[in-house]
Amino acid sequence: MTKFGQAGYSDFMAKVFADKLDEILETAEKQNFNNKNTEDIYSQFPSSRDAA
């Protein structure tokens, strides 16, 4: 493993955290977009609850 000074290690951890955060946000954004599309599709059909 590469040896880090305290500042180097902090920079490294910040970069790792930023990369993971970008990955998490991208996944969440895709999931929200998919959920929105699903809601839009189902909103076009009458609900069985409305028929009762």
PDB file of N, CA and C in Angstrom:
ATOM      1  N   MET A   1       0.847  -1.183   0.000  1.00  0.00           N
ATOM      2  CA  MET A   1       0.000   0.000   0.000  1.00  0.00           C
ATOM      3  C   MET A   1       0.890   1.242   0.000  1.00  0.00           C
ATOM      4  N   THR A   2       0.436   2.245  -0.681  1.00  0.00           N
ATOM      5  CA  THR A   2       1.174   3.495  -0.744  1.00  0.00           C
ATOM      6  C   THR A   2       1.139   4.180   0.611  1.00  0.00           C
ATOM      7  N   LYS A   3       2.246   4.750   0.993  1.00  0.00           N
ATOM      8  CA  LYS A   3       2.288   5.485   2.263  1.00  0.00           C
ATOM      9  C   LYS A   3       1.830   6.914   2.011  1.00  0.00           C
ATOM     10  N   PHE A   4       1.011   7.405   2.879  1.00  0.00           N
ATOM     11  CA  PHE A   4       0.468   8.760   2.777  1.00  0.00           C
ATOM     12  C   PHE A   4       0.929   9.586   3.969  1.00  0.00           C
ATOM     13  N   GLY A   5       1.110  10.873   3.722  1.00  0.00           N
ATOM     14  CA  GLY A   5       1.195  11.807   4.829  1.00  0.00           C
ATOM     15  C   GLY A   5      -0.240  12.118   5.229  1.00  0.00           C
ATOM     16  N   GLN A   6      -0.432  12.841   6.287  1.00  0.00           N
ATOM     17  CA  GLN A   6      -1.792  13.129   6.738  1.00  0.00           C
ATOM     18  C   GLN A   6      -2.568  13.910   5.684  1.00  0.00           C
ATOM     19  N   ALA A   7      -1.951  14.915   5.061  1.00  0.00           N
ATOM     20  CA  ALA A   7      -2.630  15.719   4.042  1.00  0.00           C
ATOM     21  C   ALA A   7      -2.918  14.879   2.797  1.00  0.00           C
ATOM     22  N   GLY A   8      -1.976  14.050   2.416  1.00  0.00           N
ATOM     23  CA  GLY A   8      -2.169  13.184   1.243  1.00  0.00           C
ATOM     24  C   GLY A   8      -3.296  12.197   1.463  1.00  0.00           C
ATOM     25  N   TYR A   9      -3.341  11.644   2.663  1.00  0.00           N
ATOM     26  CA  TYR A   9      -4.401  10.690   2.987  1.00  0.00           C
ATOM     27  C   TYR A   9      -5.763  11.382   2.982  1.00  0.00           C
ATOM     28  N   SER A  10      -5.815  12.584   3.519  1.00  0.00           N
ATOM     29  CA  SER A  10      -7.078  13.339   3.532  1.00  0.00           C
ATOM     30  C   SER A  10      -7.552  13.626   2.118  1.00  0.00           C
ATOM     31  N   ASP A  11      -6.634  14.018   1.237  1.00  0.00           N
ATOM     32  CA  ASP A  11      -6.990  14.262  -0.170  1.00  0.00           C
ATOM     33  C   ASP A  11      -7.495  12.986  -0.835  1.00  0.00           C
ATOM     34  N   PHE A  12      -6.798  11.883  -0.567  1.00  0.00           N
ATOM     35  CA  PHE A  12      -7.190  10.600  -1.138  1.00  0.00           C
ATOM     36  C   PHE A  12      -8.597  10.209  -0.682  1.00  0.00           C
ATOM     37  N   MET A  13      -8.863  10.320   0.614  1.00  0.00           N
ATOM     38  CA  MET A  13     -10.170   9.954   1.146  1.00  0.00           C
ATOM     39  C   MET A  13     -11.265  10.875   0.603  1.00  0.00           C
ATOM     40  N   ALA A  14     -10.963  12.146   0.428  1.00  0.00           N
ATOM     41  CA  ALA A  14     -11.939  13.084  -0.129  1.00  0.00           C
ATOM     42  C   ALA A  14     -12.288  12.698  -1.559  1.00  0.00           C
ATOM     43  N   LYS A  15     -11.290  12.288  -2.333  1.00  0.00           N
ATOM     44  CA  LYS A  15     -11.538  11.878  -3.719  1.00  0.00           C
ATOM     45  C   LYS A  15     -12.367  10.601  -3.771  1.00  0.00           C
ATOM     46  N   VAL A  16     -12.040   9.640  -2.914  1.00  0.00           N
ATOM     47  CA  VAL A  16     -12.802   8.387  -2.865  1.00  0.00           C
ATOM     48  C   VAL A  16     -14.254   8.673  -2.478  1.00  0.00           C
ATOM     49  N   PHE A  17     -14.438   9.519  -1.472  1.00  0.00           N
ATOM     50  CA  PHE A  17     -15.783   9.871  -1.021  1.00  0.00           C
ATOM     51  C   PHE A  17     -16.554  10.572  -2.135  1.00  0.00           C
ATOM     52  N   ALA A  18     -15.920  11.515  -2.827  1.00  0.00           N
ATOM     53  CA  ALA A  18     -16.584  12.252  -3.903  1.00  0.00           C
ATOM     54  C   ALA A  18     -16.984  11.315  -5.037  1.00  0.00           C
ATOM     55  N   ASP A  19     -16.113  10.376  -5.379  1.00  0.00           N
ATOM     56  CA  ASP A  19     -16.427   9.415  -6.437  1.00  0.00           C
ATOM     57  C   ASP A  19     -17.615   8.540  -6.050  1.00  0.00           C
ATOM     58  N   LYS A  20     -17.606   8.051  -4.820  1.00  0.00           N
ATOM     59  CA  LYS A  20     -18.720   7.215  -4.351  1.00  0.00           C
ATOM     60  C   LYS A  20     -20.019   8.011  -4.288  1.00  0.00           C
ATOM     61  N   LEU A  21     -19.927   9.262  -3.838  1.00  0.00           N
ATOM     62  CA  LEU A  21     -21.115  10.099  -3.747  1.00  0.00           C
ATOM     63  C   LEU A  21     -21.695  10.346  -5.135  1.00  0.00           C
ATOM     64  N   ASP A  22     -20.849  10.620  -6.117  1.00  0.00           N
ATOM     65  CA  ASP A  22     -21.314  10.806  -7.494  1.00  0.00           C
ATOM     66  C   ASP A  22     -22.027   9.554  -7.993  1.00  0.00           C
ATOM     67  N   GLU A  23     -21.446   8.409  -7.686  1.00  0.00           N
ATOM     68  CA  GLU A  23     -22.028   7.128  -8.102  1.00  0.00           C
ATOM     69  C   GLU A  23     -23.400   6.920  -7.455  1.00  0.00           C
ATOM     70  N   ILE A  24     -23.506   7.208  -6.177  1.00  0.00           N
ATOM     71  CA  ILE A  24     -24.767   7.045  -5.442  1.00  0.00           C
ATOM     72  C   ILE A  24     -25.822   8.001  -5.980  1.00  0.00           C
ATOM     73  N   LEU A  25     -25.436   9.258  -6.197  1.00  0.00           N
ATOM     74  CA  LEU A  25     -26.389  10.249  -6.704  1.00  0.00           C
ATOM     75  C   LEU A  25     -26.867   9.905  -8.106  1.00  0.00           C
ATOM     76  N   GLU A  26     -25.963   9.407  -8.936  1.00  0.00           N
ATOM     77  CA  GLU A  26     -26.332   9.022 -10.299  1.00  0.00           C
ATOM     78  C   GLU A  26     -27.339   7.870 -10.272  1.00  0.00           C
ATOM     79  N   THR A  27     -27.098   6.890  -9.413  1.00  0.00           N
ATOM     80  CA  THR A  27     -28.011   5.754  -9.282  1.00  0.00           C
ATOM     81  C   THR A  27     -29.367   6.220  -8.765  1.00  0.00           C
ATOM     82  N   ALA A  28     -29.375   7.086  -7.779  1.00  0.00           N
ATOM     83  CA  ALA A  28     -30.628   7.590  -7.217  1.00  0.00           C
ATOM     84  C   ALA A  28     -31.398   8.405  -8.249  1.00  0.00           C
ATOM     85  N   GLU A  29     -30.680   9.177  -9.054  1.00  0.00           N
ATOM     86  CA  GLU A  29     -31.331   9.985 -10.086  1.00  0.00           C
ATOM     87  C   GLU A  29     -32.002   9.088 -11.131  1.00  0.00           C
ATOM     88  N   LYS A  30     -31.308   8.023 -11.539  1.00  0.00           N
ATOM     89  CA  LYS A  30     -31.887   7.079 -12.499  1.00  0.00           C
ATOM     90  C   LYS A  30     -33.125   6.414 -11.913  1.00  0.00           C
ATOM     91  N   GLN A  31     -33.046   6.032 -10.641  1.00  0.00           N
ATOM     92  CA  GLN A  31     -34.171   5.362  -9.986  1.00  0.00           C
ATOM     93  C   GLN A  31     -35.366   6.305  -9.885  1.00  0.00           C
ATOM     94  N   ASN A  32     -35.127   7.568  -9.531  1.00  0.00           N
ATOM     95  CA  ASN A  32     -36.212   8.543  -9.449  1.00  0.00           C
ATOM     96  C   ASN A  32     -36.841   8.767 -10.814  1.00  0.00           C
ATOM     97  N   PHE A  33     -36.012   8.802 -11.858  1.00  0.00           N
ATOM     98  CA  PHE A  33     -36.512   8.985 -13.212  1.00  0.00           C
ATOM     99  C   PHE A  33     -37.384   7.802 -13.615  1.00  0.00           C
ATOM    100  N   ASN A  34     -36.949   6.586 -13.292  1.00  0.00           N
ATOM    101  CA  ASN A  34     -37.731   5.393 -13.604  1.00  0.00           C
ATOM    102  C   ASN A  34     -39.047   5.389 -12.843  1.00  0.00           C
ATOM    103  N   ASN A  35     -39.022   5.786 -11.573  1.00  0.00           N
ATOM    104  CA  ASN A  35     -40.254   5.844 -10.785  1.00  0.00           C
ATOM    105  C   ASN A  35     -41.219   6.862 -11.368  1.00  0.00           C
ATOM    106  N   LYS A  36     -40.701   7.995 -11.804  1.00  0.00           N
ATOM    107  CA  LYS A  36     -41.533   9.045 -12.394  1.00  0.00           C
ATOM    108  C   LYS A  36     -42.177   8.530 -13.680  1.00  0.00           C
ATOM    109  N   ASN A  37     -41.408   7.822 -14.514  1.00  0.00           N
ATOM    110  CA  ASN A  37     -41.955   7.258 -15.748  1.00  0.00           C
ATOM    111  C   ASN A  37     -43.059   6.257 -15.439  1.00  0.00           C
ATOM    112  N   THR A  38     -42.856   5.429 -14.429  1.00  0.00           N
ATOM    113  CA  THR A  38     -43.862   4.440 -14.044  1.00  0.00           C
ATOM    114  C   THR A  38     -45.136   5.135 -13.571  1.00  0.00           C
ATOM    115  N   GLU A  39     -44.981   6.173 -12.777  1.00  0.00           N
ATOM    116  CA  GLU A  39     -46.156   6.915 -12.297  1.00  0.00           C
ATOM    117  C   GLU A  39     -46.894   7.555 -13.459  1.00  0.00           C
ATOM    118  N   ASP A  40     -46.164   8.102 -14.425  1.00  0.00           N
ATOM    119  CA  ASP A  40     -46.788   8.722 -15.591  1.00  0.00           C
ATOM    120  C   ASP A  40     -47.562   7.698 -16.419  1.00  0.00           C
ATOM    121  N   ILE A  41     -46.988   6.505 -16.571  1.00  0.00           N
ATOM    122  CA  ILE A  41     -47.649   5.455 -17.352  1.00  0.00           C
ATOM    123  C   ILE A  41     -48.935   5.012 -16.653  1.00  0.00           C
ATOM    124  N   TYR A  42     -48.853   4.712 -15.352  1.00  0.00           N
ATOM    125  CA  TYR A  42     -50.023   4.215 -14.639  1.00  0.00           C
ATOM    126  C   TYR A  42     -51.094   5.285 -14.446  1.00  0.00           C
ATOM    127  N   SER A  43     -50.709   6.549 -14.483  1.00  0.00           N
ATOM    128  CA  SER A  43     -51.710   7.607 -14.319  1.00  0.00           C
ATOM    129  C   SER A  43     -52.623   7.706 -15.539  1.00  0.00           C
ATOM    130  N   GLN A  44     -52.232   7.097 -16.644  1.00  0.00           N
ATOM    131  CA  GLN A  44     -53.050   7.133 -17.858  1.00  0.00           C
ATOM    132  C   GLN A  44     -54.196   6.119 -17.820  1.00  0.00           C
ATOM    133  N   PHE A  45     -54.124   5.166 -16.911  1.00  0.00           N
ATOM    134  CA  PHE A  45     -55.141   4.117 -16.838  1.00  0.00           C
ATOM    135  C   PHE A  45     -56.068   4.369 -15.645  1.00  0.00           C
ATOM    136  N   PRO A  46     -57.346   4.092 -15.822  1.00  0.00           N
ATOM    137  CA  PRO A  46     -58.270   4.275 -14.701  1.00  0.00           C
ATOM    138  C   PRO A  46     -57.958   3.257 -13.594  1.00  0.00           C
ATOM    139  N   SER A  47     -58.123   3.683 -12.385  1.00  0.00           N
ATOM    140  CA  SER A  47     -57.841   2.841 -11.247  1.00  0.00           C
ATOM    141  C   SER A  47     -59.041   1.951 -10.952  1.00  0.00           C
ATOM    142  N   SER A  48     -58.773   0.740 -10.473  1.00  0.00           N
ATOM    143  CA  SER A  48     -59.875  -0.155 -10.103  1.00  0.00           C
ATOM    144  C   SER A  48     -60.618   0.406  -8.888  1.00  0.00           C
ATOM    145  N   ARG A  49     -59.946   1.189  -8.071  1.00  0.00           N
ATOM    146  CA  ARG A  49     -60.598   1.807  -6.906  1.00  0.00           C
ATOM    147  C   ARG A  49     -61.623   2.850  -7.369  1.00  0.00           C
ATOM    148  N   ASP A  50     -61.326   3.546  -8.496  1.00  0.00           N
ATOM    149  CA  ASP A  50     -62.250   4.574  -8.996  1.00  0.00           C
ATOM    150  C   ASP A  50     -63.534   3.937  -9.540  1.00  0.00           C
ATOM    151  N   ALA A  51     -63.453   2.698  -9.990  1.00  0.00           N
ATOM    152  CA  ALA A  51     -64.621   2.037 -10.582  1.00  0.00           C
ATOM    153  C   ALA A  51     -65.601   1.580  -9.502  1.00  0.00           C
ATOM    154  N   ALA A  52     -65.160   1.418  -8.298  1.00  0.00           N
ATOM    155  CA  ALA A  52     -66.024   0.880  -7.231  1.00  0.00           C
ATOM    156  C   ALA A  52     -66.994   1.886  -6.704  1.00  0.00           C
TER     157      ALA A  52
END
